[in-house]
Amino acid sequence: MPLPFRKIPRLSSWRRLALHAWPAPRDSTVYSTLQIDMTEAQQFLEQLRRESGYRVTPTHLVAKAIATALHRYPESNAIVRRGWVYQRESVDVFIQVVSDEGEDLSGIKVEHADRKSVVEIARELAERAERIRAHRDPELERTKGMLDRVPNFLLGAMMKLTEFATHGLGLDLTRFGLKPDPFGTVMVSNIGTFGIDWALAPLVPFSRCAIVLLVGTVQPRPLVVDGQVMARPVLIVGVTFDHRLLDGAQSARLAKVVCDVIAHPAAHLQEERAGSSELRQPT
């Protein structure tokens, strides 16, 4: 029985080159962006800053929003292990931290982020980031010390081995400075601090994070509000997710919650104002 295809006899020079430039696609990554009106969010964050004394930013709000979405749809709070999907027991968000004047990048896993307020997330990140930047975080320094002792030609193999041991086999390698599931489901990075409006990032293979969110700068952009075009403060969040875990319907549900929480935080995060006064930064 003949195949239901017909060979194209003549191709352009570029098409012939393109056929051999890349292998067949095998990547499960999906990219998107979220554009969010920050009018209410800016007022909300400013109020939290005044009441708590902490520097509460859109990054903390984004982390809380995605944690809220994963709490609401726990089937998306998952990891791929040995060809199967496993649901994580807690909603953990990994927030990247820049150190050494931008020369190095590490991060902090905020555990049970869905149970914490925006101010609690801001406080935890500020305290731990200060220790990281001062090289006083024992856990991170132990891990870095171990990596420094690994020759460069062995580093890739070691990363794959430790990834398989911790995520694939579920081994506890804490004594080697490697905690089980050290990154959680989501990775959040603030690129706005470098003045970047928006960008998209790849998934980090060894992290097993299913979602990466890049938080850009808040800029005035034209939006249609009540049928009128007007300038509003807009945040663009770059989104990357693993299609093995999230399909179109799941990602749309998560995106709707994230956008609603960020755009209307006072309506969705009613506990924030009461909690911020109790967490006021000491002076």
C-alpha atoms as a PDB file:
ATOM      1  CA  MET A   1       0.000   0.000   0.000  1.00  0.00           C
ATOM      2  CA  PRO A   2       1.553   3.330  -1.035  1.00  0.00           C
ATOM      3  CA  LEU A   3       2.219   5.954   1.618  1.00  0.00           C
ATOM      4  CA  PRO A   4      -0.184   8.933   1.628  1.00  0.00           C
ATOM      5  CA  PHE A   5       2.627  11.367   0.854  1.00  0.00           C
ATOM      6  CA  ARG A   6       3.930  12.947  -2.319  1.00  0.00           C
ATOM      7  CA  LYS A   7       7.571  13.985  -2.563  1.00  0.00           C
ATOM      8  CA  ILE A   8       8.194  17.592  -3.599  1.00  0.00           C
ATOM      9  CA  PRO A   9      10.668  17.323  -6.481  1.00  0.00           C
ATOM     10  CA  ARG A  10      12.286  20.767  -6.241  1.00  0.00           C
ATOM     11  CA  LEU A  11      13.168  22.717  -3.116  1.00  0.00           C
ATOM     12  CA  SER A  12      14.699  26.155  -2.650  1.00  0.00           C
ATOM     13  CA  SER A  13      18.312  26.416  -1.557  1.00  0.00           C
ATOM     14  CA  TRP A  14      17.278  27.616   1.881  1.00  0.00           C
ATOM     15  CA  ARG A  15      14.748  24.810   2.334  1.00  0.00           C
ATOM     16  CA  ARG A  16      17.396  22.222   1.454  1.00  0.00           C
ATOM     17  CA  LEU A  17      19.788  23.763   3.979  1.00  0.00           C
ATOM     18  CA  ALA A  18      17.062  23.971   6.627  1.00  0.00           C
ATOM     19  CA  LEU A  19      16.318  20.254   6.322  1.00  0.00           C
ATOM     20  CA  HIS A  20      19.844  19.500   7.489  1.00  0.00           C
ATOM     21  CA  ALA A  21      20.403  22.407   9.875  1.00  0.00           C
ATOM     22  CA  TRP A  22      18.232  21.028  12.693  1.00  0.00           C
ATOM     23  CA  PRO A  23      17.173  17.583  13.897  1.00  0.00           C
ATOM     24  CA  ALA A  24      13.516  16.589  14.072  1.00  0.00           C
ATOM     25  CA  PRO A  25      11.737  18.412  16.940  1.00  0.00           C
ATOM     26  CA  ARG A  26      11.628  16.445  20.181  1.00  0.00           C
ATOM     27  CA  ASP A  27      11.247  19.337  22.629  1.00  0.00           C
ATOM     28  CA  SER A  28       8.138  19.510  24.828  1.00  0.00           C
ATOM     29  CA  THR A  29       8.597  23.192  25.700  1.00  0.00           C
ATOM     30  CA  VAL A  30       5.765  25.686  25.121  1.00  0.00           C
ATOM     31  CA  TYR A  31       6.290  29.473  25.300  1.00  0.00           C
ATOM     32  CA  SER A  32       3.774  32.245  25.933  1.00  0.00           C
ATOM     33  CA  THR A  33       3.368  35.654  27.572  1.00  0.00           C
ATOM     34  CA  LEU A  34       0.881  37.176  29.991  1.00  0.00           C
ATOM     35  CA  GLN A  35       0.120  40.915  29.817  1.00  0.00           C
ATOM     36  CA  ILE A  36      -1.400  42.180  33.055  1.00  0.00           C
ATOM     37  CA  ASP A  37      -2.808  45.580  33.975  1.00  0.00           C
ATOM     38  CA  MET A  38      -0.952  46.553  37.169  1.00  0.00           C
ATOM     39  CA  THR A  39      -3.092  49.544  38.171  1.00  0.00           C
ATOM     40  CA  GLU A  40      -4.627  47.836  41.205  1.00  0.00           C
ATOM     41  CA  ALA A  41      -1.502  45.781  41.912  1.00  0.00           C
ATOM     42  CA  GLN A  42       0.717  48.844  42.228  1.00  0.00           C
ATOM     43  CA  GLN A  43      -1.604  50.360  44.812  1.00  0.00           C
ATOM     44  CA  PHE A  44      -1.795  47.028  46.636  1.00  0.00           C
ATOM     45  CA  LEU A  45       1.987  46.554  46.725  1.00  0.00           C
ATOM     46  CA  GLU A  46       2.572  50.137  47.863  1.00  0.00           C
ATOM     47  CA  GLN A  47       0.145  49.609  50.733  1.00  0.00           C
ATOM     48  CA  LEU A  48       1.915  46.405  51.757  1.00  0.00           C
ATOM     49  CA  ARG A  49       5.266  48.201  51.688  1.00  0.00           C
ATOM     50  CA  ARG A  50       3.963  50.962  53.959  1.00  0.00           C
ATOM     51  CA  GLU A  51       2.316  48.568  56.407  1.00  0.00           C
ATOM     52  CA  SER A  52       5.089  45.956  56.580  1.00  0.00           C
ATOM     53  CA  GLY A  53       8.259  47.926  55.990  1.00  0.00           C
ATOM     54  CA  TYR A  54       9.450  45.286  53.524  1.00  0.00           C
ATOM     55  CA  ARG A  55      10.292  45.887  49.871  1.00  0.00           C
ATOM     56  CA  VAL A  56       7.372  44.014  48.330  1.00  0.00           C
ATOM     57  CA  THR A  57       7.667  43.785  44.539  1.00  0.00           C
ATOM     58  CA  PRO A  58       5.764  42.379  41.552  1.00  0.00           C
ATOM     59  CA  THR A  59       8.059  39.332  41.706  1.00  0.00           C
ATOM     60  CA  HIS A  60       6.678  38.382  45.118  1.00  0.00           C
ATOM     61  CA  LEU A  61       3.143  38.882  43.841  1.00  0.00           C
ATOM     62  CA  VAL A  62       3.834  36.694  40.781  1.00  0.00           C
ATOM     63  CA  ALA A  63       5.235  33.963  43.041  1.00  0.00           C
ATOM     64  CA  LYS A  64       2.137  34.101  45.230  1.00  0.00           C
ATOM     65  CA  ALA A  65      -0.161  34.108  42.187  1.00  0.00           C
ATOM     66  CA  ILE A  66       1.318  30.975  40.598  1.00  0.00           C
ATOM     67  CA  ALA A  67       1.340  29.239  43.990  1.00  0.00           C
ATOM     68  CA  THR A  68      -2.341  30.106  44.393  1.00  0.00           C
ATOM     69  CA  ALA A  69      -3.072  28.706  40.932  1.00  0.00           C
ATOM     70  CA  LEU A  70      -1.256  25.429  41.654  1.00  0.00           C
ATOM     71  CA  HIS A  71      -3.080  25.108  44.974  1.00  0.00           C
ATOM     72  CA  ARG A  72      -6.378  25.513  43.147  1.00  0.00           C
ATOM     73  CA  TYR A  73      -5.392  22.986  40.455  1.00  0.00           C
ATOM     74  CA  PRO A  74      -3.125  20.513  42.266  1.00  0.00           C
ATOM     75  CA  GLU A  75      -2.997  18.099  39.317  1.00  0.00           C
ATOM     76  CA  SER A  76      -0.666  20.646  37.655  1.00  0.00           C
ATOM     77  CA  ASN A  77       1.679  20.669  40.665  1.00  0.00           C
ATOM     78  CA  ALA A  78       3.527  17.669  39.310  1.00  0.00           C
ATOM     79  CA  ILE A  79       6.816  16.167  38.163  1.00  0.00           C
ATOM     80  CA  VAL A  80       7.789  13.614  35.521  1.00  0.00           C
ATOM     81  CA  ARG A  81       9.656  10.656  37.025  1.00  0.00           C
ATOM     82  CA  ARG A  82      10.658   7.556  35.052  1.00  0.00           C
ATOM     83  CA  GLY A  83       7.981   8.108  32.438  1.00  0.00           C
ATOM     84  CA  TRP A  84       5.168   8.715  34.930  1.00  0.00           C
ATOM     85  CA  VAL A  85       3.567  11.850  36.362  1.00  0.00           C
ATOM     86  CA  TYR A  86       3.730  12.295  40.148  1.00  0.00           C
ATOM     87  CA  GLN A  87       1.875  14.997  42.054  1.00  0.00           C
ATOM     88  CA  ARG A  88       3.985  17.006  44.464  1.00  0.00           C
ATOM     89  CA  GLU A  89       2.925  17.095  48.119  1.00  0.00           C
ATOM     90  CA  SER A  90       3.550  20.834  48.575  1.00  0.00           C
ATOM     91  CA  VAL A  91       3.462  23.932  46.391  1.00  0.00           C
ATOM     92  CA  ASP A  92       7.055  25.182  46.288  1.00  0.00           C
ATOM     93  CA  VAL A  93       8.305  28.126  44.210  1.00  0.00           C
ATOM     94  CA  PHE A  94      11.988  28.653  43.392  1.00  0.00           C
ATOM     95  CA  ILE A  95      12.874  32.355  43.113  1.00  0.00           C
ATOM     96  CA  GLN A  96      16.207  33.175  41.504  1.00  0.00           C
ATOM     97  CA  VAL A  97      18.640  35.482  43.275  1.00  0.00           C
ATOM     98  CA  VAL A  98      21.510  37.427  41.701  1.00  0.00           C
ATOM     99  CA  SER A  99      24.742  37.697  43.690  1.00  0.00           C
ATOM    100  CA  ASP A 100      28.323  38.913  43.267  1.00  0.00           C
ATOM    101  CA  GLU A 101      27.166  42.076  41.465  1.00  0.00           C
ATOM    102  CA  GLY A 102      25.334  40.087  38.826  1.00  0.00           C
ATOM    103  CA  GLU A 103      28.159  37.639  38.127  1.00  0.00           C
ATOM    104  CA  ASP A 104      26.489  34.652  39.772  1.00  0.00           C
ATOM    105  CA  LEU A 105      22.967  33.260  39.947  1.00  0.00           C
ATOM    106  CA  SER A 106      21.413  31.058  42.592  1.00  0.00           C
ATOM    107  CA  GLY A 107      18.017  30.953  44.212  1.00  0.00           C
ATOM    108  CA  ILE A 108      15.718  30.176  47.100  1.00  0.00           C
ATOM    109  CA  LYS A 109      12.949  27.601  47.256  1.00  0.00           C
ATOM    110  CA  VAL A 110       9.962  29.049  49.076  1.00  0.00           C
ATOM    111  CA  GLU A 111       8.207  26.002  50.477  1.00  0.00           C
ATOM    112  CA  HIS A 112       4.413  25.957  50.830  1.00  0.00           C
ATOM    113  CA  ALA A 113       4.238  29.278  48.983  1.00  0.00           C
ATOM    114  CA  ASP A 114       0.479  28.880  48.618  1.00  0.00           C
ATOM    115  CA  ARG A 115       0.131  29.104  52.428  1.00  0.00           C
ATOM    116  CA  LYS A 116       2.273  32.239  52.735  1.00  0.00           C
ATOM    117  CA  SER A 117       1.252  35.828  52.141  1.00  0.00           C
ATOM    118  CA  VAL A 118       3.030  38.113  49.701  1.00  0.00           C
ATOM    119  CA  VAL A 119       4.725  39.832  52.642  1.00  0.00           C
ATOM    120  CA  GLU A 120       5.876  36.516  54.116  1.00  0.00           C
ATOM    121  CA  ILE A 121       7.358  35.550  50.753  1.00  0.00           C
ATOM    122  CA  ALA A 122       9.088  38.959  50.527  1.00  0.00           C
ATOM    123  CA  ARG A 123      10.478  38.646  54.056  1.00  0.00           C
ATOM    124  CA  GLU A 124      11.776  35.096  53.527  1.00  0.00           C
ATOM    125  CA  LEU A 125      13.378  36.020  50.229  1.00  0.00           C
ATOM    126  CA  ALA A 126      15.002  39.172  51.630  1.00  0.00           C
ATOM    127  CA  GLU A 127      16.480  37.396  54.661  1.00  0.00           C
ATOM    128  CA  ARG A 128      17.832  34.444  52.732  1.00  0.00           C
ATOM    129  CA  ALA A 129      19.046  36.533  49.785  1.00  0.00           C
ATOM    130  CA  GLU A 130      21.059  38.656  52.208  1.00  0.00           C
ATOM    131  CA  ARG A 131      22.817  35.541  53.505  1.00  0.00           C
ATOM    132  CA  ILE A 132      23.471  34.286  49.966  1.00  0.00           C
ATOM    133  CA  ARG A 133      24.977  37.580  48.814  1.00  0.00           C
ATOM    134  CA  ALA A 134      27.164  37.719  51.921  1.00  0.00           C
ATOM    135  CA  HIS A 135      28.242  34.086  51.336  1.00  0.00           C
ATOM    136  CA  ARG A 136      26.811  33.147  54.718  1.00  0.00           C
ATOM    137  CA  ASP A 137      24.304  30.532  53.562  1.00  0.00           C
ATOM    138  CA  PRO A 138      25.859  27.226  54.742  1.00  0.00           C
ATOM    139  CA  GLU A 139      23.728  25.015  52.506  1.00  0.00           C
ATOM    140  CA  LEU A 140      24.528  26.925  49.326  1.00  0.00           C
ATOM    141  CA  GLU A 141      28.212  27.348  50.199  1.00  0.00           C
ATOM    142  CA  ARG A 142      28.538  23.595  50.801  1.00  0.00           C
ATOM    143  CA  THR A 143      26.957  22.867  47.418  1.00  0.00           C
ATOM    144  CA  LYS A 144      29.181  25.407  45.649  1.00  0.00           C
ATOM    145  CA  GLY A 145      32.250  23.964  47.364  1.00  0.00           C
ATOM    146  CA  MET A 146      31.342  20.514  46.124  1.00  0.00           C
ATOM    147  CA  LEU A 147      30.831  21.789  42.546  1.00  0.00           C
ATOM    148  CA  ASP A 148      34.180  23.607  42.620  1.00  0.00           C
ATOM    149  CA  ARG A 149      35.923  20.292  43.274  1.00  0.00           C
ATOM    150  CA  VAL A 150      34.372  18.599  40.232  1.00  0.00           C
ATOM    151  CA  PRO A 151      36.484  18.837  37.038  1.00  0.00           C
ATOM    152  CA  ASN A 152      34.726  20.589  34.200  1.00  0.00           C
ATOM    153  CA  PHE A 153      34.733  17.518  31.933  1.00  0.00           C
ATOM    154  CA  LEU A 154      32.847  15.545  34.618  1.00  0.00           C
ATOM    155  CA  LEU A 155      30.362  18.242  35.591  1.00  0.00           C
ATOM    156  CA  GLY A 156      27.711  17.377  32.988  1.00  0.00           C
ATOM    157  CA  ALA A 157      27.768  13.699  33.850  1.00  0.00           C
ATOM    158  CA  MET A 158      27.601  14.470  37.580  1.00  0.00           C
ATOM    159  CA  MET A 159      24.571  16.740  37.076  1.00  0.00           C
ATOM    160  CA  LYS A 160      22.723  14.020  35.155  1.00  0.00           C
ATOM    161  CA  LEU A 161      23.648  11.432  37.786  1.00  0.00           C
ATOM    162  CA  THR A 162      22.495  13.562  40.720  1.00  0.00           C
ATOM    163  CA  GLU A 163      19.305  14.504  38.866  1.00  0.00           C
ATOM    164  CA  PHE A 164      18.508  10.837  38.305  1.00  0.00           C
ATOM    165  CA  ALA A 165      19.409   9.926  41.891  1.00  0.00           C
ATOM    166  CA  THR A 166      17.316  12.650  43.526  1.00  0.00           C
ATOM    167  CA  HIS A 167      14.363  12.892  41.141  1.00  0.00           C
ATOM    168  CA  GLY A 168      14.387   9.526  39.403  1.00  0.00           C
ATOM    169  CA  LEU A 169      15.220   7.271  42.345  1.00  0.00           C
ATOM    170  CA  GLY A 170      14.156   9.592  45.170  1.00  0.00           C
ATOM    171  CA  LEU A 171      17.428   9.150  47.082  1.00  0.00           C
ATOM    172  CA  ASP A 172      18.211  11.465  50.001  1.00  0.00           C
ATOM    173  CA  LEU A 173      21.544  13.154  49.231  1.00  0.00           C
ATOM    174  CA  THR A 174      21.248  15.833  51.909  1.00  0.00           C
ATOM    175  CA  ARG A 175      24.637  14.951  53.383  1.00  0.00           C
ATOM    176  CA  PHE A 176      26.171  15.941  50.046  1.00  0.00           C
ATOM    177  CA  GLY A 177      24.384  19.292  50.061  1.00  0.00           C
ATOM    178  CA  LEU A 178      21.592  18.144  47.739  1.00  0.00           C
ATOM    179  CA  LYS A 179      18.082  18.286  49.140  1.00  0.00           C
ATOM    180  CA  PRO A 180      15.264  16.223  47.638  1.00  0.00           C
ATOM    181  CA  ASP A 181      13.440  18.204  44.962  1.00  0.00           C
ATOM    182  CA  PRO A 182      15.466  21.391  45.586  1.00  0.00           C
ATOM    183  CA  PHE A 183      13.597  23.556  43.060  1.00  0.00           C
ATOM    184  CA  GLY A 184       9.899  22.749  43.294  1.00  0.00           C
ATOM    185  CA  THR A 185       7.393  23.093  40.464  1.00  0.00           C
ATOM    186  CA  VAL A 186       7.942  26.706  39.372  1.00  0.00           C
ATOM    187  CA  MET A 187      10.990  28.874  38.794  1.00  0.00           C
ATOM    188  CA  VAL A 188      10.476  32.662  38.970  1.00  0.00           C
ATOM    189  CA  SER A 189      13.121  35.141  37.830  1.00  0.00           C
ATOM    190  CA  ASN A 190      13.004  38.941  37.937  1.00  0.00           C
ATOM    191  CA  ILE A 191      14.559  40.204  34.702  1.00  0.00           C
ATOM    192  CA  GLY A 192      13.009  43.621  35.259  1.00  0.00           C
ATOM    193  CA  THR A 193      15.816  44.372  37.698  1.00  0.00           C
ATOM    194  CA  PHE A 194      18.109  44.543  34.643  1.00  0.00           C
ATOM    195  CA  GLY A 195      15.715  46.883  32.828  1.00  0.00           C
ATOM    196  CA  ILE A 196      14.389  44.170  30.495  1.00  0.00           C
ATOM    197  CA  ASP A 197      10.753  44.624  29.505  1.00  0.00           C
ATOM    198  CA  TRP A 198      10.080  40.944  28.856  1.00  0.00           C
ATOM    199  CA  ALA A 199      11.772  37.750  27.731  1.00  0.00           C
ATOM    200  CA  LEU A 200      11.310  33.997  27.522  1.00  0.00           C
ATOM    201  CA  ALA A 201      13.543  31.386  29.158  1.00  0.00           C
ATOM    202  CA  PRO A 202      14.234  27.690  28.623  1.00  0.00           C
ATOM    203  CA  LEU A 203      13.289  25.067  31.155  1.00  0.00           C
ATOM    204  CA  VAL A 204      16.272  24.040  33.292  1.00  0.00           C
ATOM    205  CA  PRO A 205      16.566  20.262  32.781  1.00  0.00           C
ATOM    206  CA  PHE A 206      18.182  19.321  36.096  1.00  0.00           C
ATOM    207  CA  SER A 207      15.674  21.385  38.105  1.00  0.00           C
ATOM    208  CA  ARG A 208      12.625  19.369  36.976  1.00  0.00           C
ATOM    209  CA  CYS A 209      10.612  22.620  37.226  1.00  0.00           C
ATOM    210  CA  ALA A 210       7.605  22.329  34.938  1.00  0.00           C
ATOM    211  CA  ILE A 211       7.062  26.103  34.685  1.00  0.00           C
ATOM    212  CA  VAL A 212       9.396  29.104  34.359  1.00  0.00           C
ATOM    213  CA  LEU A 213       8.087  32.668  34.781  1.00  0.00           C
ATOM    214  CA  LEU A 214      10.153  35.728  33.859  1.00  0.00           C
ATOM    215  CA  VAL A 215       8.979  38.975  35.472  1.00  0.00           C
ATOM    216  CA  GLY A 216       9.759  42.022  33.353  1.00  0.00           C
ATOM    217  CA  THR A 217       9.460  45.739  34.007  1.00  0.00           C
ATOM    218  CA  VAL A 218       6.144  47.502  34.541  1.00  0.00           C
ATOM    219  CA  GLN A 219       5.761  49.942  31.660  1.00  0.00           C
ATOM    220  CA  PRO A 220       2.910  52.166  30.431  1.00  0.00           C
ATOM    221  CA  ARG A 221       1.304  50.445  27.458  1.00  0.00           C
ATOM    222  CA  PRO A 222      -1.909  50.999  25.467  1.00  0.00           C
ATOM    223  CA  LEU A 223      -4.844  48.935  26.731  1.00  0.00           C
ATOM    224  CA  VAL A 224      -8.515  48.925  25.848  1.00  0.00           C
ATOM    225  CA  VAL A 225     -10.479  49.778  29.025  1.00  0.00           C
ATOM    226  CA  ASP A 226     -14.268  50.104  28.759  1.00  0.00           C
ATOM    227  CA  GLY A 227     -13.971  50.481  25.003  1.00  0.00           C
ATOM    228  CA  GLN A 228     -11.352  53.238  25.248  1.00  0.00           C
ATOM    229  CA  VAL A 229      -7.636  52.980  24.462  1.00  0.00           C
ATOM    230  CA  MET A 230      -5.602  54.398  27.323  1.00  0.00           C
ATOM    231  CA  ALA A 231      -2.131  54.072  28.803  1.00  0.00           C
ATOM    232  CA  ARG A 232      -1.998  51.728  31.789  1.00  0.00           C
ATOM    233  CA  PRO A 233       0.927  50.228  33.750  1.00  0.00           C
ATOM    234  CA  VAL A 234       1.395  46.760  32.259  1.00  0.00           C
ATOM    235  CA  LEU A 235       3.538  43.834  33.386  1.00  0.00           C
ATOM    236  CA  ILE A 236       4.544  41.213  30.819  1.00  0.00           C
ATOM    237  CA  VAL A 237       5.345  37.816  32.296  1.00  0.00           C
ATOM    238  CA  GLY A 238       7.220  35.410  30.041  1.00  0.00           C
ATOM    239  CA  VAL A 239       5.914  31.862  30.476  1.00  0.00           C
ATOM    240  CA  THR A 240       7.582  28.559  29.635  1.00  0.00           C
ATOM    241  CA  PHE A 241       6.035  25.208  30.509  1.00  0.00           C
ATOM    242  CA  ASP A 242       6.493  21.502  29.915  1.00  0.00           C
ATOM    243  CA  HIS A 243       3.842  20.156  27.534  1.00  0.00           C
ATOM    244  CA  ARG A 244       4.284  16.660  29.000  1.00  0.00           C
ATOM    245  CA  LEU A 245       2.657  17.942  32.197  1.00  0.00           C
ATOM    246  CA  LEU A 246       0.470  20.824  31.061  1.00  0.00           C
ATOM    247  CA  ASP A 247      -1.813  20.854  28.051  1.00  0.00           C
ATOM    248  CA  GLY A 248      -3.699  23.839  26.652  1.00  0.00           C
ATOM    249  CA  ALA A 249      -6.681  23.527  29.011  1.00  0.00           C
ATOM    250  CA  GLN A 250      -4.540  23.158  32.145  1.00  0.00           C
ATOM    251  CA  SER A 251      -2.207  26.014  31.242  1.00  0.00           C
ATOM    252  CA  ALA A 252      -5.187  28.266  30.425  1.00  0.00           C
ATOM    253  CA  ARG A 253      -6.744  27.564  33.848  1.00  0.00           C
ATOM    254  CA  LEU A 254      -3.480  28.366  35.604  1.00  0.00           C
ATOM    255  CA  ALA A 255      -2.952  31.507  33.516  1.00  0.00           C
ATOM    256  CA  LYS A 256      -6.434  32.813  34.345  1.00  0.00           C
ATOM    257  CA  VAL A 257      -5.829  32.463  38.088  1.00  0.00           C
ATOM    258  CA  VAL A 258      -2.385  34.059  37.837  1.00  0.00           C
ATOM    259  CA  CYS A 259      -3.694  37.027  35.855  1.00  0.00           C
ATOM    260  CA  ASP A 260      -6.719  37.506  38.120  1.00  0.00           C
ATOM    261  CA  VAL A 261      -4.650  37.406  41.321  1.00  0.00           C
ATOM    262  CA  ILE A 262      -2.051  39.850  39.991  1.00  0.00           C
ATOM    263  CA  ALA A 263      -4.545  42.246  38.412  1.00  0.00           C
ATOM    264  CA  HIS A 264      -6.943  42.248  41.388  1.00  0.00           C
ATOM    265  CA  PRO A 265      -4.854  41.204  44.410  1.00  0.00           C
ATOM    266  CA  ALA A 266      -7.008  42.894  47.049  1.00  0.00           C
ATOM    267  CA  ALA A 267     -10.014  40.834  45.966  1.00  0.00           C
ATOM    268  CA  HIS A 268      -8.115  37.516  45.939  1.00  0.00           C
ATOM    269  CA  LEU A 269      -5.640  37.958  48.796  1.00  0.00           C
ATOM    270  CA  GLN A 270      -7.808  39.298  51.587  1.00  0.00           C
ATOM    271  CA  GLU A 271      -5.458  38.093  54.321  1.00  0.00           C
ATOM    272  CA  GLU A 272      -2.583  40.280  53.138  1.00  0.00           C
ATOM    273  CA  ARG A 273      -3.295  43.548  54.949  1.00  0.00           C
ATOM    274  CA  ALA A 274      -3.870  41.913  58.316  1.00  0.00           C
ATOM    275  CA  GLY A 275      -0.742  39.794  57.959  1.00  0.00           C
ATOM    276  CA  SER A 276       1.496  42.640  56.799  1.00  0.00           C
ATOM    277  CA  SER A 277       1.112  44.600  60.044  1.00  0.00           C
ATOM    278  CA  GLU A 278       2.159  41.548  62.078  1.00  0.00           C
ATOM    279  CA  LEU A 279       5.268  41.067  59.900  1.00  0.00           C
ATOM    280  CA  ARG A 280       6.496  44.624  60.053  1.00  0.00           C
ATOM    281  CA  GLN A 281      10.248  44.838  59.511  1.00  0.00           C
ATOM    282  CA  PRO A 282      12.099  45.863  62.668  1.00  0.00           C
ATOM    283  CA  THR A 283      13.741  49.280  62.491  1.00  0.00           C
END
